[in-house]
Amino acid sequence: MPLEMVTQREMEKVFATTDALGIHREQVVVPLGPRNPGRVRKRPDGKFEIVLDAADPDAFLAALGEALKPLL
């Protein structure tokens, strides 16, 4: 079943990953509406935008750390 809205469960997983990479929580932006496909990018203001994948959020979250590393 596709993810319709980012919940506390997903946010905890996002923050577990970003915390482990030393990214301050105020530097992370997670829109509440997931998309297909999801994406990770560094915005012009220096913040990390993480748009969860609606179709497979668990796989997206599992790969999040590797997606963020090149942006550090």
PDB file of N, CA and C in Angstrom:
ATOM      1  N   MET A   1       0.849  -1.182   0.000  1.00  0.00           N
ATOM      2  CA  MET A   1       0.000   0.000   0.000  1.00  0.00           C
ATOM      3  C   MET A   1       0.895   1.246   0.000  1.00  0.00           C
ATOM      4  N   PRO A   2       0.648   2.166  -0.913  1.00  0.00           N
ATOM      5  CA  PRO A   2       1.499   3.360  -0.988  1.00  0.00           C
ATOM      6  C   PRO A   2       1.335   4.267   0.234  1.00  0.00           C
ATOM      7  N   LEU A   3       2.413   4.947   0.549  1.00  0.00           N
ATOM      8  CA  LEU A   3       2.417   5.901   1.652  1.00  0.00           C
ATOM      9  C   LEU A   3       1.708   7.176   1.190  1.00  0.00           C
ATOM     10  N   GLU A   4       0.729   7.621   1.959  1.00  0.00           N
ATOM     11  CA  GLU A   4      -0.031   8.813   1.585  1.00  0.00           C
ATOM     12  C   GLU A   4       0.452  10.055   2.315  1.00  0.00           C
ATOM     13  N   MET A   5       0.984   9.872   3.542  1.00  0.00           N
ATOM     14  CA  MET A   5       1.485  11.001   4.319  1.00  0.00           C
ATOM     15  C   MET A   5       2.626  10.520   5.209  1.00  0.00           C
ATOM     16  N   VAL A   6       3.629  11.349   5.335  1.00  0.00           N
ATOM     17  CA  VAL A   6       4.755  11.024   6.203  1.00  0.00           C
ATOM     18  C   VAL A   6       4.283  11.126   7.653  1.00  0.00           C
ATOM     19  N   THR A   7       4.543  10.072   8.418  1.00  0.00           N
ATOM     20  CA  THR A   7       4.120  10.027   9.814  1.00  0.00           C
ATOM     21  C   THR A   7       5.340  10.102  10.736  1.00  0.00           C
ATOM     22  N   GLN A   8       5.070  10.098  12.022  1.00  0.00           N
ATOM     23  CA  GLN A   8       6.144  10.119  13.025  1.00  0.00           C
ATOM     24  C   GLN A   8       7.068   8.925  12.844  1.00  0.00           C
ATOM     25  N   ARG A   9       6.535   7.796  12.454  1.00  0.00           N
ATOM     26  CA  ARG A   9       7.339   6.584  12.238  1.00  0.00           C
ATOM     27  C   ARG A   9       8.433   6.848  11.204  1.00  0.00           C
ATOM     28  N   GLU A  10       8.051   7.421  10.070  1.00  0.00           N
ATOM     29  CA  GLU A  10       9.027   7.709   9.015  1.00  0.00           C
ATOM     30  C   GLU A  10      10.006   8.803   9.446  1.00  0.00           C
ATOM     31  N   MET A  11       9.492   9.816  10.155  1.00  0.00           N
ATOM     32  CA  MET A  11      10.364  10.901  10.599  1.00  0.00           C
ATOM     33  C   MET A  11      11.429  10.389  11.562  1.00  0.00           C
ATOM     34  N   GLU A  12      11.068   9.463  12.433  1.00  0.00           N
ATOM     35  CA  GLU A  12      12.048   8.889  13.352  1.00  0.00           C
ATOM     36  C   GLU A  12      13.160   8.178  12.586  1.00  0.00           C
ATOM     37  N   LYS A  13      12.808   7.491  11.521  1.00  0.00           N
ATOM     38  CA  LYS A  13      13.810   6.797  10.701  1.00  0.00           C
ATOM     39  C   LYS A  13      14.687   7.794   9.950  1.00  0.00           C
ATOM     40  N   VAL A  14      14.086   8.857   9.433  1.00  0.00           N
ATOM     41  CA  VAL A  14      14.860   9.900   8.752  1.00  0.00           C
ATOM     42  C   VAL A  14      15.861  10.496   9.733  1.00  0.00           C
ATOM     43  N   PHE A  15      15.394  10.884  10.917  1.00  0.00           N
ATOM     44  CA  PHE A  15      16.278  11.508  11.892  1.00  0.00           C
ATOM     45  C   PHE A  15      17.339  10.549  12.426  1.00  0.00           C
ATOM     46  N   ALA A  16      17.027   9.284  12.537  1.00  0.00           N
ATOM     47  CA  ALA A  16      18.049   8.316  12.956  1.00  0.00           C
ATOM     48  C   ALA A  16      19.198   8.309  11.947  1.00  0.00           C
ATOM     49  N   THR A  17      18.855   8.388  10.677  1.00  0.00           N
ATOM     50  CA  THR A  17      19.876   8.399   9.625  1.00  0.00           C
ATOM     51  C   THR A  17      20.643   9.711   9.607  1.00  0.00           C
ATOM     52  N   THR A  18      19.933  10.831   9.620  1.00  0.00           N
ATOM     53  CA  THR A  18      20.616  12.122   9.550  1.00  0.00           C
ATOM     54  C   THR A  18      21.428  12.391  10.812  1.00  0.00           C
ATOM     55  N   ASP A  19      20.918  11.996  11.970  1.00  0.00           N
ATOM     56  CA  ASP A  19      21.681  12.153  13.214  1.00  0.00           C
ATOM     57  C   ASP A  19      22.998  11.386  13.130  1.00  0.00           C
ATOM     58  N   ALA A  20      22.947  10.164  12.618  1.00  0.00           N
ATOM     59  CA  ALA A  20      24.148   9.334  12.512  1.00  0.00           C
ATOM     60  C   ALA A  20      25.182   9.948  11.576  1.00  0.00           C
ATOM     61  N   LEU A  21      24.720  10.737  10.603  1.00  0.00           N
ATOM     62  CA  LEU A  21      25.630  11.392   9.663  1.00  0.00           C
ATOM     63  C   LEU A  21      26.080  12.769  10.149  1.00  0.00           C
ATOM     64  N   GLY A  22      25.597  13.176  11.323  1.00  0.00           N
ATOM     65  CA  GLY A  22      25.987  14.462  11.870  1.00  0.00           C
ATOM     66  C   GLY A  22      25.262  15.648  11.261  1.00  0.00           C
ATOM     67  N   ILE A  23      24.125  15.413  10.644  1.00  0.00           N
ATOM     68  CA  ILE A  23      23.325  16.482  10.047  1.00  0.00           C
ATOM     69  C   ILE A  23      22.359  16.987  11.108  1.00  0.00           C
ATOM     70  N   HIS A  24      22.428  18.267  11.409  1.00  0.00           N
ATOM     71  CA  HIS A  24      21.546  18.870  12.412  1.00  0.00           C
ATOM     72  C   HIS A  24      20.106  18.826  11.915  1.00  0.00           C
ATOM     73  N   ARG A  25      19.192  18.538  12.803  1.00  0.00           N
ATOM     74  CA  ARG A  25      17.783  18.398  12.433  1.00  0.00           C
ATOM     75  C   ARG A  25      17.185  19.658  11.806  1.00  0.00           C
ATOM     76  N   GLU A  26      17.709  20.821  12.168  1.00  0.00           N
ATOM     77  CA  GLU A  26      17.197  22.052  11.574  1.00  0.00           C
ATOM     78  C   GLU A  26      17.651  22.220  10.132  1.00  0.00           C
ATOM     79  N   GLN A  27      18.576  21.389   9.693  1.00  0.00           N
ATOM     80  CA  GLN A  27      19.053  21.425   8.311  1.00  0.00           C
ATOM     81  C   GLN A  27      18.316  20.414   7.430  1.00  0.00           C
ATOM     82  N   VAL A  28      17.289  19.769   7.972  1.00  0.00           N
ATOM     83  CA  VAL A  28      16.554  18.735   7.244  1.00  0.00           C
ATOM     84  C   VAL A  28      15.125  19.204   6.994  1.00  0.00           C
ATOM     85  N   VAL A  29      14.695  19.103   5.731  1.00  0.00           N
ATOM     86  CA  VAL A  29      13.335  19.449   5.341  1.00  0.00           C
ATOM     87  C   VAL A  29      12.703  18.191   4.755  1.00  0.00           C
ATOM     88  N   VAL A  30      11.567  17.773   5.326  1.00  0.00           N
ATOM     89  CA  VAL A  30      10.856  16.587   4.835  1.00  0.00           C
ATOM     90  C   VAL A  30       9.410  16.989   4.565  1.00  0.00           C
ATOM     91  N   PRO A  31       9.043  17.167   3.292  1.00  0.00           N
ATOM     92  CA  PRO A  31       7.644  17.457   2.987  1.00  0.00           C
ATOM     93  C   PRO A  31       6.749  16.319   3.463  1.00  0.00           C
ATOM     94  N   LEU A  32       5.579  16.648   3.961  1.00  0.00           N
ATOM     95  CA  LEU A  32       4.667  15.621   4.481  1.00  0.00           C
ATOM     96  C   LEU A  32       4.010  14.800   3.390  1.00  0.00           C
ATOM     97  N   GLY A  33       4.050  15.271   2.163  1.00  0.00           N
ATOM     98  CA  GLY A  33       3.484  14.529   1.039  1.00  0.00           C
ATOM     99  C   GLY A  33       4.569  13.780   0.288  1.00  0.00           C
ATOM    100  N   PRO A  34       4.609  12.451   0.387  1.00  0.00           N
ATOM    101  CA  PRO A  34       5.602  11.675  -0.362  1.00  0.00           C
ATOM    102  C   PRO A  34       5.301  11.710  -1.855  1.00  0.00           C
ATOM    103  N   ARG A  35       6.284  11.387  -2.663  1.00  0.00           N
ATOM    104  CA  ARG A  35       6.150  11.377  -4.124  1.00  0.00           C
ATOM    105  C   ARG A  35       6.721  10.071  -4.667  1.00  0.00           C
ATOM    106  N   ASN A  36       6.436   9.835  -5.913  1.00  0.00           N
ATOM    107  CA  ASN A  36       7.000   8.680  -6.597  1.00  0.00           C
ATOM    108  C   ASN A  36       7.635   9.172  -7.889  1.00  0.00           C
ATOM    109  N   PRO A  37       8.935   9.150  -8.004  1.00  0.00           N
ATOM    110  CA  PRO A  37       9.894   8.599  -7.055  1.00  0.00           C
ATOM    111  C   PRO A  37      10.235   9.598  -5.957  1.00  0.00           C
ATOM    112  N   GLY A  38      10.803   9.089  -4.885  1.00  0.00           N
ATOM    113  CA  GLY A  38      11.309   9.951  -3.830  1.00  0.00           C
ATOM    114  C   GLY A  38      12.614  10.579  -4.286  1.00  0.00           C
ATOM    115  N   ARG A  39      13.104  11.545  -3.518  1.00  0.00           N
ATOM    116  CA  ARG A  39      14.379  12.165  -3.898  1.00  0.00           C
ATOM    117  C   ARG A  39      15.062  12.766  -2.678  1.00  0.00           C
ATOM    118  N   VAL A  40      16.353  12.951  -2.834  1.00  0.00           N
ATOM    119  CA  VAL A  40      17.170  13.608  -1.825  1.00  0.00           C
ATOM    120  C   VAL A  40      18.000  14.641  -2.565  1.00  0.00           C
ATOM    121  N   ARG A  41      18.009  15.866  -2.048  1.00  0.00           N
ATOM    122  CA  ARG A  41      18.826  16.906  -2.676  1.00  0.00           C
ATOM    123  C   ARG A  41      19.256  17.917  -1.630  1.00  0.00           C
ATOM    124  N   LYS A  42      20.296  18.649  -1.966  1.00  0.00           N
ATOM    125  CA  LYS A  42      20.728  19.753  -1.111  1.00  0.00           C
ATOM    126  C   LYS A  42      20.207  21.027  -1.765  1.00  0.00           C
ATOM    127  N   ARG A  43      19.402  21.760  -1.030  1.00  0.00           N
ATOM    128  CA  ARG A  43      18.787  22.969  -1.556  1.00  0.00           C
ATOM    129  C   ARG A  43      19.804  24.109  -1.609  1.00  0.00           C
ATOM    130  N   PRO A  44      19.497  25.150  -2.380  1.00  0.00           N
ATOM    131  CA  PRO A  44      20.413  26.292  -2.454  1.00  0.00           C
ATOM    132  C   PRO A  44      20.687  26.942  -1.090  1.00  0.00           C
ATOM    133  N   ASP A  45      19.750  26.820  -0.142  1.00  0.00           N
ATOM    134  CA  ASP A  45      19.960  27.400   1.191  1.00  0.00           C
ATOM    135  C   ASP A  45      20.793  26.483   2.097  1.00  0.00           C
ATOM    136  N   GLY A  46      21.279  25.363   1.543  1.00  0.00           N
ATOM    137  CA  GLY A  46      22.137  24.452   2.296  1.00  0.00           C
ATOM    138  C   GLY A  46      21.405  23.364   3.053  1.00  0.00           C
ATOM    139  N   LYS A  47      20.083  23.415   3.064  1.00  0.00           N
ATOM    140  CA  LYS A  47      19.313  22.390   3.772  1.00  0.00           C
ATOM    141  C   LYS A  47      19.152  21.145   2.894  1.00  0.00           C
ATOM    142  N   PHE A  48      18.965  20.027   3.561  1.00  0.00           N
ATOM    143  CA  PHE A  48      18.760  18.757   2.867  1.00  0.00           C
ATOM    144  C   PHE A  48      17.262  18.512   2.737  1.00  0.00           C
ATOM    145  N   GLU A  49      16.793  18.361   1.510  1.00  0.00           N
ATOM    146  CA  GLU A  49      15.381  18.076   1.277  1.00  0.00           C
ATOM    147  C   GLU A  49      15.234  16.580   0.993  1.00  0.00           C
ATOM    148  N   ILE A  50      14.405  15.928   1.793  1.00  0.00           N
ATOM    149  CA  ILE A  50      14.189  14.492   1.670  1.00  0.00           C
ATOM    150  C   ILE A  50      12.707  14.279   1.398  1.00  0.00           C
ATOM    151  N   VAL A  51      12.401  13.868   0.175  1.00  0.00           N
ATOM    152  CA  VAL A  51      11.022  13.579  -0.218  1.00  0.00           C
ATOM    153  C   VAL A  51      10.896  12.065  -0.266  1.00  0.00           C
ATOM    154  N   LEU A  52      10.158  11.516   0.676  1.00  0.00           N
ATOM    155  CA  LEU A  52      10.039  10.067   0.744  1.00  0.00           C
ATOM    156  C   LEU A  52       9.330   9.490  -0.476  1.00  0.00           C
ATOM    157  N   ASP A  53       9.728   8.286  -0.818  1.00  0.00           N
ATOM    158  CA  ASP A  53       9.116   7.580  -1.934  1.00  0.00           C
ATOM    159  C   ASP A  53       7.783   6.995  -1.497  1.00  0.00           C
ATOM    160  N   ALA A  54       6.724   7.351  -2.202  1.00  0.00           N
ATOM    161  CA  ALA A  54       5.385   6.900  -1.827  1.00  0.00           C
ATOM    162  C   ALA A  54       5.191   5.409  -2.085  1.00  0.00           C
ATOM    163  N   ALA A  55       5.813   4.887  -3.123  1.00  0.00           N
ATOM    164  CA  ALA A  55       5.590   3.491  -3.505  1.00  0.00           C
ATOM    165  C   ALA A  55       6.308   2.510  -2.585  1.00  0.00           C
ATOM    166  N   ASP A  56       7.530   2.842  -2.161  1.00  0.00           N
ATOM    167  CA  ASP A  56       8.304   1.926  -1.321  1.00  0.00           C
ATOM    168  C   ASP A  56       9.114   2.718  -0.285  1.00  0.00           C
ATOM    169  N   PRO A  57       8.434   3.280   0.705  1.00  0.00           N
ATOM    170  CA  PRO A  57       9.142   4.119   1.671  1.00  0.00           C
ATOM    171  C   PRO A  57      10.186   3.365   2.487  1.00  0.00           C
ATOM    172  N   ASP A  58       9.959   2.098   2.780  1.00  0.00           N
ATOM    173  CA  ASP A  58      10.923   1.349   3.590  1.00  0.00           C
ATOM    174  C   ASP A  58      12.247   1.166   2.852  1.00  0.00           C
ATOM    175  N   ALA A  59      12.191   0.833   1.570  1.00  0.00           N
ATOM    176  CA  ALA A  59      13.422   0.692   0.776  1.00  0.00           C
ATOM    177  C   ALA A  59      14.117   2.044   0.639  1.00  0.00           C
ATOM    178  N   PHE A  60      13.334   3.105   0.451  1.00  0.00           N
ATOM    179  CA  PHE A  60      13.892   4.451   0.343  1.00  0.00           C
ATOM    180  C   PHE A  60      14.622   4.818   1.626  1.00  0.00           C
ATOM    181  N   LEU A  61      13.995   4.572   2.763  1.00  0.00           N
ATOM    182  CA  LEU A  61      14.605   4.904   4.049  1.00  0.00           C
ATOM    183  C   LEU A  61      15.852   4.061   4.313  1.00  0.00           C
ATOM    184  N   ALA A  62      15.839   2.814   3.869  1.00  0.00           N
ATOM    185  CA  ALA A  62      17.001   1.939   4.054  1.00  0.00           C
ATOM    186  C   ALA A  62      18.200   2.453   3.264  1.00  0.00           C
ATOM    187  N   ALA A  63      17.965   3.100   2.136  1.00  0.00           N
ATOM    188  CA  ALA A  63      19.042   3.609   1.289  1.00  0.00           C
ATOM    189  C   ALA A  63      19.346   5.082   1.528  1.00  0.00           C
ATOM    190  N   LEU A  64      18.660   5.713   2.451  1.00  0.00           N
ATOM    191  CA  LEU A  64      18.778   7.152   2.665  1.00  0.00           C
ATOM    192  C   LEU A  64      20.200   7.591   3.018  1.00  0.00           C
ATOM    193  N   GLY A  65      20.852   6.864   3.884  1.00  0.00           N
ATOM    194  CA  GLY A  65      22.205   7.238   4.286  1.00  0.00           C
ATOM    195  C   GLY A  65      23.157   7.302   3.101  1.00  0.00           C
ATOM    196  N   GLU A  66      23.091   6.311   2.238  1.00  0.00           N
ATOM    197  CA  GLU A  66      23.953   6.289   1.057  1.00  0.00           C
ATOM    198  C   GLU A  66      23.606   7.412   0.084  1.00  0.00           C
ATOM    199  N   ALA A  67      22.344   7.783   0.021  1.00  0.00           N
ATOM    200  CA  ALA A  67      21.916   8.886  -0.847  1.00  0.00           C
ATOM    201  C   ALA A  67      22.405  10.229  -0.322  1.00  0.00           C
ATOM    202  N   LEU A  68      22.503  10.355   1.001  1.00  0.00           N
ATOM    203  CA  LEU A  68      22.932  11.615   1.605  1.00  0.00           C
ATOM    204  C   LEU A  68      24.441  11.813   1.596  1.00  0.00           C
ATOM    205  N   LYS A  69      25.207  10.762   1.694  1.00  0.00           N
ATOM    206  CA  LYS A  69      26.661  10.874   1.829  1.00  0.00           C
ATOM    207  C   LYS A  69      27.317  11.729   0.752  1.00  0.00           C
ATOM    208  N   PRO A  70      26.962  11.575  -0.520  1.00  0.00           N
ATOM    209  CA  PRO A  70      27.616  12.423  -1.536  1.00  0.00           C
ATOM    210  C   PRO A  70      27.283  13.905  -1.411  1.00  0.00           C
ATOM    211  N   LEU A  71      26.227  14.232  -0.676  1.00  0.00           N
ATOM    212  CA  LEU A  71      25.801  15.620  -0.536  1.00  0.00           C
ATOM    213  C   LEU A  71      26.473  16.321   0.641  1.00  0.00           C
ATOM    214  N   LEU A  72      27.180  15.567   1.463  1.00  0.00           N
ATOM    215  CA  LEU A  72      27.814  16.144   2.666  1.00  0.00           C
ATOM    216  C   LEU A  72      29.043  16.956   2.314  1.00  0.00           C
TER     217      LEU A  72
END
